[in-house]
Protein backbone atom coordinates (compact mmCIF):
# COMPACT_ATOMS: atom_id res chain seq x y z
CA UNK A 1 0.00 0.00 0.00
CA UNK A 2 1.43 3.35 -1.05
CA UNK A 3 1.28 6.18 1.48
CA UNK A 4 0.48 9.67 0.20
CA UNK A 5 0.29 13.18 1.62
CA UNK A 6 -1.24 16.33 0.17
CA UNK A 7 0.11 19.85 0.62
CA UNK A 8 -2.17 22.58 -0.74
CA UNK A 9 -2.94 25.91 0.91
CA UNK A 10 -6.52 25.76 -0.44
CA UNK A 11 -8.60 23.62 1.91
CA UNK A 12 -11.27 23.00 -0.72
CA UNK A 13 -8.68 21.97 -3.30
CA UNK A 14 -6.94 19.53 -0.96
CA UNK A 15 -10.25 17.94 0.07
CA UNK A 16 -11.29 17.56 -3.56
CA UNK A 17 -8.02 15.86 -4.46
CA UNK A 18 -8.26 13.53 -1.46
CA UNK A 19 -11.77 12.60 -2.60
CA UNK A 20 -10.57 11.83 -6.14
CA UNK A 21 -7.77 9.66 -4.77
CA UNK A 22 -10.33 7.44 -3.02
CA UNK A 23 -10.73 5.67 -6.36
CA UNK A 24 -7.26 4.20 -5.75
CA UNK A 25 -7.86 3.21 -2.11
CA UNK A 26 -6.83 -0.40 -2.82
CA UNK A 27 -3.27 0.71 -3.56
CA UNK A 28 -2.88 4.22 -2.16
CA UNK A 29 -3.79 5.73 1.20
CA UNK A 30 -3.80 9.45 1.97
CA UNK A 31 -2.26 9.60 5.44
CA UNK A 32 -2.05 13.39 5.83
CA UNK A 33 -3.40 16.60 4.34
CA UNK A 34 -1.52 19.85 4.99
CA UNK A 35 -2.69 23.39 4.22
CA UNK A 36 0.37 25.17 5.66
CA UNK A 37 3.86 24.45 4.26
CA UNK A 38 5.60 25.32 7.54
CA UNK A 39 3.65 22.66 9.45
CA UNK A 40 4.35 20.02 6.80
CA UNK A 41 8.05 20.90 6.86
CA UNK A 42 8.37 19.80 10.48
CA UNK A 43 6.89 16.31 10.18
CA UNK A 44 6.75 15.06 6.60
CA UNK A 45 10.14 13.30 6.51
CA UNK A 46 9.30 11.17 9.55
CA UNK A 47 5.99 10.05 8.03
CA UNK A 48 7.64 7.70 5.56
CA UNK A 49 5.35 8.59 2.67
CA UNK A 50 5.83 7.32 -0.88
CA UNK A 51 4.43 10.38 -2.66
CA UNK A 52 3.57 14.01 -1.98
CA UNK A 53 0.90 15.78 -4.02
CA UNK A 54 2.34 19.27 -3.89
CA UNK A 55 0.74 22.58 -4.84
CA UNK A 56 3.10 25.11 -6.43
CA UNK A 57 1.60 28.52 -5.65
CA UNK A 58 1.27 28.91 -1.87
CA UNK A 59 1.67 31.99 0.36
CA UNK A 60 4.94 32.37 2.22
CA UNK A 61 6.62 29.39 0.56
CA UNK A 62 5.88 27.90 -2.85
CA UNK A 63 6.20 24.22 -3.65
CA UNK A 64 9.73 24.45 -5.04
CA UNK A 65 10.93 26.45 -2.03
CA UNK A 66 9.32 23.85 0.22
CA UNK A 67 11.39 21.08 -1.35
CA UNK A 68 14.56 23.20 -1.12
CA UNK A 69 13.92 23.82 2.59
CA UNK A 70 13.30 20.12 3.06
CA UNK A 71 16.71 19.22 1.65
CA UNK A 72 17.00 15.49 0.94
CA UNK A 73 13.88 13.35 0.79
CA UNK A 74 13.00 9.83 -0.41
CA UNK A 75 9.41 10.27 -1.55
CA UNK A 76 8.17 10.99 -5.06
CA UNK A 77 6.49 14.28 -5.99
CA UNK A 78 3.40 14.98 -8.10
CA UNK A 79 2.82 18.70 -8.57
CA UNK A 80 -0.73 20.06 -8.63
CA UNK A 81 -1.24 23.64 -9.77
CA UNK A 82 -3.54 26.00 -11.63
CA UNK A 83 -0.58 27.30 -13.66
CA UNK A 84 1.24 25.57 -16.51
CA UNK A 85 4.37 27.73 -16.38
CA UNK A 86 6.39 25.52 -14.01
CA UNK A 87 6.69 22.39 -16.15
CA UNK A 88 10.45 22.74 -16.77
CA UNK A 89 11.17 23.24 -13.08
CA UNK A 90 9.10 20.14 -12.27
CA UNK A 91 11.07 18.14 -14.83
CA UNK A 92 14.33 19.37 -13.31
CA UNK A 93 13.22 17.95 -9.98
CA UNK A 94 12.30 14.61 -11.62
CA UNK A 95 8.67 14.88 -10.53
CA UNK A 96 6.46 11.91 -11.37
CA UNK A 97 3.87 14.21 -12.95
CA UNK A 98 2.52 17.73 -13.21
CA UNK A 99 -1.27 18.00 -12.88
CA UNK A 100 -3.26 21.10 -13.72
CA UNK A 101 -6.18 22.10 -11.51
CA UNK A 102 -8.93 21.18 -11.52
CA UNK A 103 -7.30 17.76 -11.65
CA UNK A 104 -8.69 15.65 -14.46
CA UNK A 105 -9.49 12.08 -13.35
CA UNK A 106 -7.85 10.51 -16.42
CA UNK A 107 -4.70 12.57 -15.85
CA UNK A 108 -4.72 11.50 -12.21
CA UNK A 109 -4.96 7.85 -13.20
CA UNK A 110 -2.00 8.29 -15.56
CA UNK A 111 -0.02 9.89 -12.74
CA UNK A 112 -0.78 6.96 -10.41
CA UNK A 113 0.38 4.49 -13.07
CA UNK A 114 3.64 6.44 -13.42
CA UNK A 115 4.00 6.56 -9.65
CA UNK A 116 3.48 2.82 -9.34
CA UNK A 117 6.16 2.21 -11.96
CA UNK A 118 8.61 4.65 -10.34
CA UNK A 119 8.19 3.09 -6.88
CA UNK A 120 8.58 -0.43 -8.30
CA UNK A 121 11.79 0.53 -10.11
CA UNK A 122 13.18 2.14 -6.97
CA UNK A 123 12.33 -0.96 -4.92
CA UNK A 124 13.97 -3.27 -7.48
CA UNK A 125 17.11 -1.13 -7.61
CA UNK A 126 17.31 -1.16 -3.82
CA UNK A 127 16.99 -4.95 -3.72
CA UNK A 128 19.70 -5.42 -6.36
CA UNK A 129 21.99 -3.01 -4.53
CA UNK A 130 21.44 -4.84 -1.24
CA UNK A 131 22.16 -8.21 -2.87
CA UNK A 132 25.42 -6.87 -4.27
CA UNK A 133 26.29 -5.41 -0.89
CA UNK A 134 25.75 -8.76 0.84
CA UNK A 135 28.00 -10.62 -1.60
CA UNK A 136 31.40 -11.61 -0.18
CA UNK A 137 33.17 -10.76 -3.44
CA UNK A 138 33.42 -7.60 -5.50
CA UNK A 139 33.82 -7.51 -9.28
CA UNK A 140 36.48 -5.02 -10.40
CA UNK A 141 36.50 -4.42 -14.17
CA UNK A 142 39.85 -3.30 -15.60
CA UNK A 143 41.44 -3.02 -19.04
CA UNK A 144 42.94 -6.52 -18.53
CA UNK A 145 39.72 -8.18 -17.45
CA UNK A 146 37.48 -8.49 -14.40
CA UNK A 147 39.02 -9.26 -11.00
CA UNK A 148 36.82 -11.01 -8.43
CA UNK A 149 38.11 -9.83 -5.07
CA UNK A 150 37.13 -10.99 -1.61
CA UNK A 151 35.93 -7.93 0.30
CA UNK A 152 37.78 -9.11 3.41
CA UNK A 153 41.08 -8.73 1.49
CA UNK A 154 40.53 -5.05 0.64
CA UNK A 155 42.60 -2.81 2.92
CA UNK A 156 41.48 0.48 1.43
CA UNK A 157 40.12 2.14 -1.71
CA UNK A 158 41.54 5.48 -2.84
CA UNK A 159 40.07 7.99 -5.29
CA UNK A 160 42.27 9.05 -8.18
CA UNK A 161 40.34 11.51 -10.34
CA UNK A 162 37.58 9.39 -11.94
CA UNK A 163 39.35 6.16 -11.01
CA UNK A 164 39.38 4.03 -7.86
CA UNK A 165 42.53 2.29 -6.63
CA UNK A 166 42.03 -0.89 -4.60
CA UNK A 167 44.88 -1.78 -2.21
CA UNK A 168 44.69 -5.46 -1.21
CA UNK A 169 46.13 -7.48 1.64
CA UNK A 170 48.35 -9.46 -0.77
CA UNK A 171 49.96 -6.11 -1.79
CA UNK A 172 48.18 -6.18 -5.14
CA UNK A 173 46.95 -2.85 -6.49
CA UNK A 174 43.98 -2.74 -8.88
CA UNK A 175 42.93 0.42 -10.73
CA UNK A 176 39.29 0.61 -11.81
CA UNK A 177 37.75 3.29 -14.05
CA UNK A 178 34.84 3.99 -11.71
CA UNK A 179 34.39 6.57 -8.98
CA UNK A 180 34.77 6.00 -5.26
CA UNK A 181 31.11 6.89 -4.73
CA UNK A 182 29.98 3.93 -6.85
CA UNK A 183 31.87 1.48 -4.64
CA UNK A 184 30.92 3.13 -1.36
CA UNK A 185 27.35 1.85 -1.76
CA UNK A 186 28.58 -1.71 -2.47
CA UNK A 187 30.79 -2.08 0.58
CA UNK A 188 29.28 -3.18 3.89
CA UNK A 189 28.77 -0.30 6.32
CA UNK A 190 29.84 -2.49 9.27
CA UNK A 191 33.20 -3.36 7.74
CA UNK A 192 34.02 -0.36 5.55
CA UNK A 193 33.88 3.38 6.06
CA UNK A 194 34.69 6.44 3.98
CA UNK A 195 36.86 8.47 6.34
CA UNK A 196 37.53 11.43 4.05
CA UNK A 197 36.68 12.58 0.52
CA UNK A 198 39.28 10.32 -1.07
CA UNK A 199 39.56 7.11 0.96
CA UNK A 200 37.39 4.19 2.06
CA UNK A 201 39.07 1.93 4.62
CA UNK A 202 38.45 -1.60 5.86
CA UNK A 203 38.05 -1.24 9.62
CA UNK A 204 39.53 -4.73 10.16
CA UNK A 205 42.93 -3.46 8.98
CA UNK A 206 43.14 -0.49 11.37
CA UNK A 207 46.19 -0.84 13.63
CA UNK A 208 46.22 2.49 15.45
CA UNK A 209 44.28 5.75 15.79
CA UNK A 210 46.28 8.91 16.44
CA UNK A 211 44.46 11.86 17.96
CA UNK A 212 44.10 15.16 16.13
CA UNK A 213 41.52 17.50 14.64
CA UNK A 214 40.11 14.56 12.74
CA UNK A 215 42.89 12.21 13.65
CA UNK A 216 44.99 9.77 11.65
CA UNK A 217 44.64 6.03 11.09
CA UNK A 218 47.56 3.66 10.72
CA UNK A 219 46.67 0.60 8.65
CA UNK A 220 48.26 -2.85 8.63
CA UNK A 221 50.20 -2.13 5.42
CA UNK A 222 51.90 0.85 7.08
CA UNK A 223 49.78 3.49 5.37
CA UNK A 224 48.65 6.52 7.36
CA UNK A 225 45.33 8.06 6.39
CA UNK A 226 43.88 11.32 7.66
CA UNK A 227 40.34 11.31 9.04
CA UNK A 228 37.96 14.12 8.15
CA UNK A 229 36.83 16.01 11.30
CA UNK A 230 33.23 15.44 10.17
CA UNK A 231 33.82 11.67 10.16
CA UNK A 232 35.72 11.45 13.44
CA UNK A 233 32.85 10.73 15.86
CA UNK A 234 31.25 8.11 13.64
CA UNK A 235 34.61 6.41 13.11
CA UNK A 236 35.48 6.27 16.82
CA UNK A 237 32.05 4.86 17.58
CA UNK A 238 32.64 2.02 15.09
CA UNK A 239 36.19 1.36 16.26
CA UNK A 240 35.68 1.50 20.00
C-alpha atoms as a PDB file:
ATOM      1  CA  UNK A   1       0.000   0.000   0.000  1.00  0.00           C
ATOM      2  CA  UNK A   2       1.433   3.351  -1.046  1.00  0.00           C
ATOM      3  CA  UNK A   3       1.285   6.184   1.480  1.00  0.00           C
ATOM      4  CA  UNK A   4       0.477   9.671   0.203  1.00  0.00           C
ATOM      5  CA  UNK A   5       0.289  13.181   1.623  1.00  0.00           C
ATOM      6  CA  UNK A   6      -1.245  16.333   0.171  1.00  0.00           C
ATOM      7  CA  UNK A   7       0.110  19.853   0.621  1.00  0.00           C
ATOM      8  CA  UNK A   8      -2.167  22.585  -0.736  1.00  0.00           C
ATOM      9  CA  UNK A   9      -2.944  25.914   0.906  1.00  0.00           C
ATOM     10  CA  UNK A  10      -6.522  25.756  -0.443  1.00  0.00           C
ATOM     11  CA  UNK A  11      -8.604  23.616   1.906  1.00  0.00           C
ATOM     12  CA  UNK A  12     -11.273  23.005  -0.721  1.00  0.00           C
ATOM     13  CA  UNK A  13      -8.679  21.967  -3.298  1.00  0.00           C
ATOM     14  CA  UNK A  14      -6.936  19.530  -0.958  1.00  0.00           C
ATOM     15  CA  UNK A  15     -10.250  17.943   0.071  1.00  0.00           C
ATOM     16  CA  UNK A  16     -11.293  17.563  -3.561  1.00  0.00           C
ATOM     17  CA  UNK A  17      -8.017  15.862  -4.464  1.00  0.00           C
ATOM     18  CA  UNK A  18      -8.261  13.530  -1.461  1.00  0.00           C
ATOM     19  CA  UNK A  19     -11.773  12.599  -2.599  1.00  0.00           C
ATOM     20  CA  UNK A  20     -10.571  11.827  -6.143  1.00  0.00           C
ATOM     21  CA  UNK A  21      -7.772   9.663  -4.765  1.00  0.00           C
ATOM     22  CA  UNK A  22     -10.329   7.437  -3.016  1.00  0.00           C
ATOM     23  CA  UNK A  23     -10.730   5.667  -6.359  1.00  0.00           C
ATOM     24  CA  UNK A  24      -7.260   4.204  -5.748  1.00  0.00           C
ATOM     25  CA  UNK A  25      -7.859   3.208  -2.109  1.00  0.00           C
ATOM     26  CA  UNK A  26      -6.830  -0.400  -2.818  1.00  0.00           C
ATOM     27  CA  UNK A  27      -3.268   0.706  -3.558  1.00  0.00           C
ATOM     28  CA  UNK A  28      -2.878   4.224  -2.164  1.00  0.00           C
ATOM     29  CA  UNK A  29      -3.787   5.726   1.203  1.00  0.00           C
ATOM     30  CA  UNK A  30      -3.797   9.452   1.967  1.00  0.00           C
ATOM     31  CA  UNK A  31      -2.255   9.597   5.437  1.00  0.00           C
ATOM     32  CA  UNK A  32      -2.048  13.386   5.825  1.00  0.00           C
ATOM     33  CA  UNK A  33      -3.397  16.601   4.345  1.00  0.00           C
ATOM     34  CA  UNK A  34      -1.522  19.853   4.992  1.00  0.00           C
ATOM     35  CA  UNK A  35      -2.685  23.387   4.223  1.00  0.00           C
ATOM     36  CA  UNK A  36       0.365  25.167   5.664  1.00  0.00           C
ATOM     37  CA  UNK A  37       3.858  24.451   4.263  1.00  0.00           C
ATOM     38  CA  UNK A  38       5.595  25.318   7.541  1.00  0.00           C
ATOM     39  CA  UNK A  39       3.652  22.660   9.448  1.00  0.00           C
ATOM     40  CA  UNK A  40       4.350  20.019   6.799  1.00  0.00           C
ATOM     41  CA  UNK A  41       8.047  20.901   6.858  1.00  0.00           C
ATOM     42  CA  UNK A  42       8.372  19.800  10.485  1.00  0.00           C
ATOM     43  CA  UNK A  43       6.894  16.310  10.176  1.00  0.00           C
ATOM     44  CA  UNK A  44       6.748  15.056   6.599  1.00  0.00           C
ATOM     45  CA  UNK A  45      10.137  13.296   6.512  1.00  0.00           C
ATOM     46  CA  UNK A  46       9.299  11.170   9.555  1.00  0.00           C
ATOM     47  CA  UNK A  47       5.989  10.053   8.034  1.00  0.00           C
ATOM     48  CA  UNK A  48       7.644   7.697   5.562  1.00  0.00           C
ATOM     49  CA  UNK A  49       5.349   8.593   2.671  1.00  0.00           C
ATOM     50  CA  UNK A  50       5.828   7.319  -0.881  1.00  0.00           C
ATOM     51  CA  UNK A  51       4.432  10.379  -2.661  1.00  0.00           C
ATOM     52  CA  UNK A  52       3.573  14.007  -1.982  1.00  0.00           C
ATOM     53  CA  UNK A  53       0.901  15.782  -4.017  1.00  0.00           C
ATOM     54  CA  UNK A  54       2.344  19.274  -3.890  1.00  0.00           C
ATOM     55  CA  UNK A  55       0.743  22.583  -4.838  1.00  0.00           C
ATOM     56  CA  UNK A  56       3.101  25.113  -6.430  1.00  0.00           C
ATOM     57  CA  UNK A  57       1.597  28.520  -5.647  1.00  0.00           C
ATOM     58  CA  UNK A  58       1.271  28.905  -1.866  1.00  0.00           C
ATOM     59  CA  UNK A  59       1.669  31.991   0.356  1.00  0.00           C
ATOM     60  CA  UNK A  60       4.939  32.371   2.224  1.00  0.00           C
ATOM     61  CA  UNK A  61       6.618  29.388   0.563  1.00  0.00           C
ATOM     62  CA  UNK A  62       5.876  27.902  -2.853  1.00  0.00           C
ATOM     63  CA  UNK A  63       6.200  24.218  -3.649  1.00  0.00           C
ATOM     64  CA  UNK A  64       9.732  24.447  -5.040  1.00  0.00           C
ATOM     65  CA  UNK A  65      10.930  26.454  -2.033  1.00  0.00           C
ATOM     66  CA  UNK A  66       9.322  23.846   0.219  1.00  0.00           C
ATOM     67  CA  UNK A  67      11.395  21.077  -1.354  1.00  0.00           C
ATOM     68  CA  UNK A  68      14.556  23.205  -1.116  1.00  0.00           C
ATOM     69  CA  UNK A  69      13.925  23.817   2.590  1.00  0.00           C
ATOM     70  CA  UNK A  70      13.300  20.122   3.057  1.00  0.00           C
ATOM     71  CA  UNK A  71      16.707  19.224   1.647  1.00  0.00           C
ATOM     72  CA  UNK A  72      17.004  15.491   0.943  1.00  0.00           C
ATOM     73  CA  UNK A  73      13.880  13.345   0.785  1.00  0.00           C
ATOM     74  CA  UNK A  74      13.004   9.826  -0.405  1.00  0.00           C
ATOM     75  CA  UNK A  75       9.411  10.266  -1.549  1.00  0.00           C
ATOM     76  CA  UNK A  76       8.171  10.985  -5.061  1.00  0.00           C
ATOM     77  CA  UNK A  77       6.491  14.283  -5.988  1.00  0.00           C
ATOM     78  CA  UNK A  78       3.400  14.983  -8.096  1.00  0.00           C
ATOM     79  CA  UNK A  79       2.824  18.704  -8.572  1.00  0.00           C
ATOM     80  CA  UNK A  80      -0.734  20.060  -8.632  1.00  0.00           C
ATOM     81  CA  UNK A  81      -1.244  23.635  -9.772  1.00  0.00           C
ATOM     82  CA  UNK A  82      -3.536  26.002 -11.625  1.00  0.00           C
ATOM     83  CA  UNK A  83      -0.580  27.300 -13.661  1.00  0.00           C
ATOM     84  CA  UNK A  84       1.241  25.571 -16.507  1.00  0.00           C
ATOM     85  CA  UNK A  85       4.374  27.730 -16.383  1.00  0.00           C
ATOM     86  CA  UNK A  86       6.386  25.524 -14.007  1.00  0.00           C
ATOM     87  CA  UNK A  87       6.693  22.388 -16.152  1.00  0.00           C
ATOM     88  CA  UNK A  88      10.447  22.741 -16.766  1.00  0.00           C
ATOM     89  CA  UNK A  89      11.167  23.236 -13.082  1.00  0.00           C
ATOM     90  CA  UNK A  90       9.101  20.144 -12.266  1.00  0.00           C
ATOM     91  CA  UNK A  91      11.073  18.144 -14.826  1.00  0.00           C
ATOM     92  CA  UNK A  92      14.333  19.369 -13.312  1.00  0.00           C
ATOM     93  CA  UNK A  93      13.222  17.947  -9.983  1.00  0.00           C
ATOM     94  CA  UNK A  94      12.299  14.610 -11.617  1.00  0.00           C
ATOM     95  CA  UNK A  95       8.673  14.882 -10.529  1.00  0.00           C
ATOM     96  CA  UNK A  96       6.456  11.913 -11.366  1.00  0.00           C
ATOM     97  CA  UNK A  97       3.872  14.210 -12.950  1.00  0.00           C
ATOM     98  CA  UNK A  98       2.520  17.735 -13.208  1.00  0.00           C
ATOM     99  CA  UNK A  99      -1.268  17.999 -12.880  1.00  0.00           C
ATOM    100  CA  UNK A 100      -3.263  21.102 -13.723  1.00  0.00           C
ATOM    101  CA  UNK A 101      -6.179  22.099 -11.507  1.00  0.00           C
ATOM    102  CA  UNK A 102      -8.929  21.181 -11.523  1.00  0.00           C
ATOM    103  CA  UNK A 103      -7.296  17.756 -11.652  1.00  0.00           C
ATOM    104  CA  UNK A 104      -8.689  15.646 -14.456  1.00  0.00           C
ATOM    105  CA  UNK A 105      -9.491  12.081 -13.352  1.00  0.00           C
ATOM    106  CA  UNK A 106      -7.848  10.514 -16.420  1.00  0.00           C
ATOM    107  CA  UNK A 107      -4.698  12.574 -15.847  1.00  0.00           C
ATOM    108  CA  UNK A 108      -4.722  11.502 -12.205  1.00  0.00           C
ATOM    109  CA  UNK A 109      -4.958   7.852 -13.200  1.00  0.00           C
ATOM    110  CA  UNK A 110      -1.998   8.286 -15.560  1.00  0.00           C
ATOM    111  CA  UNK A 111      -0.019   9.889 -12.737  1.00  0.00           C
ATOM    112  CA  UNK A 112      -0.785   6.959 -10.408  1.00  0.00           C
ATOM    113  CA  UNK A 113       0.381   4.493 -13.073  1.00  0.00           C
ATOM    114  CA  UNK A 114       3.642   6.445 -13.420  1.00  0.00           C
ATOM    115  CA  UNK A 115       4.000   6.563  -9.648  1.00  0.00           C
ATOM    116  CA  UNK A 116       3.478   2.818  -9.339  1.00  0.00           C
ATOM    117  CA  UNK A 117       6.163   2.208 -11.964  1.00  0.00           C
ATOM    118  CA  UNK A 118       8.612   4.652 -10.339  1.00  0.00           C
ATOM    119  CA  UNK A 119       8.192   3.090  -6.881  1.00  0.00           C
ATOM    120  CA  UNK A 120       8.578  -0.432  -8.297  1.00  0.00           C
ATOM    121  CA  UNK A 121      11.790   0.530 -10.108  1.00  0.00           C
ATOM    122  CA  UNK A 122      13.178   2.140  -6.969  1.00  0.00           C
ATOM    123  CA  UNK A 123      12.332  -0.964  -4.917  1.00  0.00           C
ATOM    124  CA  UNK A 124      13.965  -3.268  -7.483  1.00  0.00           C
ATOM    125  CA  UNK A 125      17.111  -1.130  -7.608  1.00  0.00           C
ATOM    126  CA  UNK A 126      17.313  -1.159  -3.816  1.00  0.00           C
ATOM    127  CA  UNK A 127      16.987  -4.954  -3.724  1.00  0.00           C
ATOM    128  CA  UNK A 128      19.701  -5.422  -6.363  1.00  0.00           C
ATOM    129  CA  UNK A 129      21.988  -3.009  -4.528  1.00  0.00           C
ATOM    130  CA  UNK A 130      21.438  -4.837  -1.236  1.00  0.00           C
ATOM    131  CA  UNK A 131      22.157  -8.207  -2.870  1.00  0.00           C
ATOM    132  CA  UNK A 132      25.424  -6.868  -4.271  1.00  0.00           C
ATOM    133  CA  UNK A 133      26.294  -5.407  -0.888  1.00  0.00           C
ATOM    134  CA  UNK A 134      25.745  -8.760   0.841  1.00  0.00           C
ATOM    135  CA  UNK A 135      27.997 -10.623  -1.596  1.00  0.00           C
ATOM    136  CA  UNK A 136      31.396 -11.612  -0.180  1.00  0.00           C
ATOM    137  CA  UNK A 137      33.167 -10.758  -3.440  1.00  0.00           C
ATOM    138  CA  UNK A 138      33.416  -7.602  -5.501  1.00  0.00           C
ATOM    139  CA  UNK A 139      33.822  -7.507  -9.278  1.00  0.00           C
ATOM    140  CA  UNK A 140      36.484  -5.024 -10.403  1.00  0.00           C
ATOM    141  CA  UNK A 141      36.502  -4.425 -14.174  1.00  0.00           C
ATOM    142  CA  UNK A 142      39.852  -3.303 -15.604  1.00  0.00           C
ATOM    143  CA  UNK A 143      41.437  -3.016 -19.044  1.00  0.00           C
ATOM    144  CA  UNK A 144      42.938  -6.515 -18.527  1.00  0.00           C
ATOM    145  CA  UNK A 145      39.722  -8.177 -17.449  1.00  0.00           C
ATOM    146  CA  UNK A 146      37.479  -8.494 -14.402  1.00  0.00           C
ATOM    147  CA  UNK A 147      39.015  -9.262 -11.005  1.00  0.00           C
ATOM    148  CA  UNK A 148      36.820 -11.013  -8.431  1.00  0.00           C
ATOM    149  CA  UNK A 149      38.105  -9.825  -5.071  1.00  0.00           C
ATOM    150  CA  UNK A 150      37.132 -10.987  -1.612  1.00  0.00           C
ATOM    151  CA  UNK A 151      35.927  -7.931   0.304  1.00  0.00           C
ATOM    152  CA  UNK A 152      37.783  -9.107   3.409  1.00  0.00           C
ATOM    153  CA  UNK A 153      41.080  -8.725   1.489  1.00  0.00           C
ATOM    154  CA  UNK A 154      40.527  -5.052   0.643  1.00  0.00           C
ATOM    155  CA  UNK A 155      42.604  -2.808   2.917  1.00  0.00           C
ATOM    156  CA  UNK A 156      41.479   0.478   1.427  1.00  0.00           C
ATOM    157  CA  UNK A 157      40.124   2.141  -1.713  1.00  0.00           C
ATOM    158  CA  UNK A 158      41.545   5.480  -2.840  1.00  0.00           C
ATOM    159  CA  UNK A 159      40.067   7.991  -5.285  1.00  0.00           C
ATOM    160  CA  UNK A 160      42.274   9.049  -8.180  1.00  0.00           C
ATOM    161  CA  UNK A 161      40.340  11.506 -10.343  1.00  0.00           C
ATOM    162  CA  UNK A 162      37.576   9.390 -11.935  1.00  0.00           C
ATOM    163  CA  UNK A 163      39.354   6.164 -11.012  1.00  0.00           C
ATOM    164  CA  UNK A 164      39.376   4.030  -7.859  1.00  0.00           C
ATOM    165  CA  UNK A 165      42.530   2.294  -6.630  1.00  0.00           C
ATOM    166  CA  UNK A 166      42.034  -0.890  -4.598  1.00  0.00           C
ATOM    167  CA  UNK A 167      44.880  -1.776  -2.211  1.00  0.00           C
ATOM    168  CA  UNK A 168      44.693  -5.460  -1.209  1.00  0.00           C
ATOM    169  CA  UNK A 169      46.130  -7.484   1.641  1.00  0.00           C
ATOM    170  CA  UNK A 170      48.352  -9.461  -0.769  1.00  0.00           C
ATOM    171  CA  UNK A 171      49.960  -6.112  -1.787  1.00  0.00           C
ATOM    172  CA  UNK A 172      48.183  -6.181  -5.136  1.00  0.00           C
ATOM    173  CA  UNK A 173      46.948  -2.851  -6.489  1.00  0.00           C
ATOM    174  CA  UNK A 174      43.977  -2.742  -8.884  1.00  0.00           C
ATOM    175  CA  UNK A 175      42.929   0.417 -10.726  1.00  0.00           C
ATOM    176  CA  UNK A 176      39.292   0.608 -11.813  1.00  0.00           C
ATOM    177  CA  UNK A 177      37.747   3.291 -14.047  1.00  0.00           C
ATOM    178  CA  UNK A 178      34.836   3.991 -11.711  1.00  0.00           C
ATOM    179  CA  UNK A 179      34.393   6.573  -8.982  1.00  0.00           C
ATOM    180  CA  UNK A 180      34.768   5.996  -5.265  1.00  0.00           C
ATOM    181  CA  UNK A 181      31.108   6.891  -4.732  1.00  0.00           C
ATOM    182  CA  UNK A 182      29.979   3.934  -6.845  1.00  0.00           C
ATOM    183  CA  UNK A 183      31.870   1.483  -4.638  1.00  0.00           C
ATOM    184  CA  UNK A 184      30.918   3.133  -1.361  1.00  0.00           C
ATOM    185  CA  UNK A 185      27.350   1.847  -1.762  1.00  0.00           C
ATOM    186  CA  UNK A 186      28.575  -1.709  -2.469  1.00  0.00           C
ATOM    187  CA  UNK A 187      30.787  -2.082   0.583  1.00  0.00           C
ATOM    188  CA  UNK A 188      29.277  -3.183   3.888  1.00  0.00           C
ATOM    189  CA  UNK A 189      28.773  -0.299   6.320  1.00  0.00           C
ATOM    190  CA  UNK A 190      29.844  -2.486   9.267  1.00  0.00           C
ATOM    191  CA  UNK A 191      33.198  -3.360   7.738  1.00  0.00           C
ATOM    192  CA  UNK A 192      34.024  -0.365   5.555  1.00  0.00           C
ATOM    193  CA  UNK A 193      33.879   3.381   6.055  1.00  0.00           C
ATOM    194  CA  UNK A 194      34.685   6.444   3.980  1.00  0.00           C
ATOM    195  CA  UNK A 195      36.856   8.471   6.343  1.00  0.00           C
ATOM    196  CA  UNK A 196      37.532  11.430   4.050  1.00  0.00           C
ATOM    197  CA  UNK A 197      36.675  12.581   0.521  1.00  0.00           C
ATOM    198  CA  UNK A 198      39.280  10.324  -1.066  1.00  0.00           C
ATOM    199  CA  UNK A 199      39.561   7.108   0.958  1.00  0.00           C
ATOM    200  CA  UNK A 200      37.389   4.193   2.059  1.00  0.00           C
ATOM    201  CA  UNK A 201      39.070   1.928   4.619  1.00  0.00           C
ATOM    202  CA  UNK A 202      38.448  -1.599   5.858  1.00  0.00           C
ATOM    203  CA  UNK A 203      38.053  -1.237   9.622  1.00  0.00           C
ATOM    204  CA  UNK A 204      39.527  -4.730  10.159  1.00  0.00           C
ATOM    205  CA  UNK A 205      42.930  -3.457   8.983  1.00  0.00           C
ATOM    206  CA  UNK A 206      43.138  -0.488  11.369  1.00  0.00           C
ATOM    207  CA  UNK A 207      46.186  -0.840  13.632  1.00  0.00           C
ATOM    208  CA  UNK A 208      46.215   2.489  15.449  1.00  0.00           C
ATOM    209  CA  UNK A 209      44.284   5.750  15.793  1.00  0.00           C
ATOM    210  CA  UNK A 210      46.285   8.912  16.437  1.00  0.00           C
ATOM    211  CA  UNK A 211      44.456  11.859  17.963  1.00  0.00           C
ATOM    212  CA  UNK A 212      44.100  15.165  16.132  1.00  0.00           C
ATOM    213  CA  UNK A 213      41.517  17.499  14.644  1.00  0.00           C
ATOM    214  CA  UNK A 214      40.106  14.564  12.742  1.00  0.00           C
ATOM    215  CA  UNK A 215      42.893  12.208  13.655  1.00  0.00           C
ATOM    216  CA  UNK A 216      44.992   9.768  11.646  1.00  0.00           C
ATOM    217  CA  UNK A 217      44.637   6.034  11.091  1.00  0.00           C
ATOM    218  CA  UNK A 218      47.558   3.655  10.722  1.00  0.00           C
ATOM    219  CA  UNK A 219      46.673   0.602   8.647  1.00  0.00           C
ATOM    220  CA  UNK A 220      48.260  -2.853   8.634  1.00  0.00           C
ATOM    221  CA  UNK A 221      50.205  -2.134   5.423  1.00  0.00           C
ATOM    222  CA  UNK A 222      51.902   0.851   7.082  1.00  0.00           C
ATOM    223  CA  UNK A 223      49.778   3.488   5.371  1.00  0.00           C
ATOM    224  CA  UNK A 224      48.645   6.521   7.363  1.00  0.00           C
ATOM    225  CA  UNK A 225      45.326   8.062   6.386  1.00  0.00           C
ATOM    226  CA  UNK A 226      43.875  11.323   7.661  1.00  0.00           C
ATOM    227  CA  UNK A 227      40.336  11.310   9.040  1.00  0.00           C
ATOM    228  CA  UNK A 228      37.956  14.124   8.149  1.00  0.00           C
ATOM    229  CA  UNK A 229      36.831  16.007  11.300  1.00  0.00           C
ATOM    230  CA  UNK A 230      33.235  15.445  10.175  1.00  0.00           C
ATOM    231  CA  UNK A 231      33.816  11.672  10.162  1.00  0.00           C
ATOM    232  CA  UNK A 232      35.717  11.448  13.444  1.00  0.00           C
ATOM    233  CA  UNK A 233      32.848  10.730  15.857  1.00  0.00           C
ATOM    234  CA  UNK A 234      31.249   8.110  13.635  1.00  0.00           C
ATOM    235  CA  UNK A 235      34.613   6.410  13.108  1.00  0.00           C
ATOM    236  CA  UNK A 236      35.476   6.271  16.821  1.00  0.00           C
ATOM    237  CA  UNK A 237      32.051   4.861  17.576  1.00  0.00           C
ATOM    238  CA  UNK A 238      32.645   2.019  15.094  1.00  0.00           C
ATOM    239  CA  UNK A 239      36.188   1.355  16.262  1.00  0.00           C
ATOM    240  CA  UNK A 240      35.681   1.497  19.999  1.00  0.00           C
END
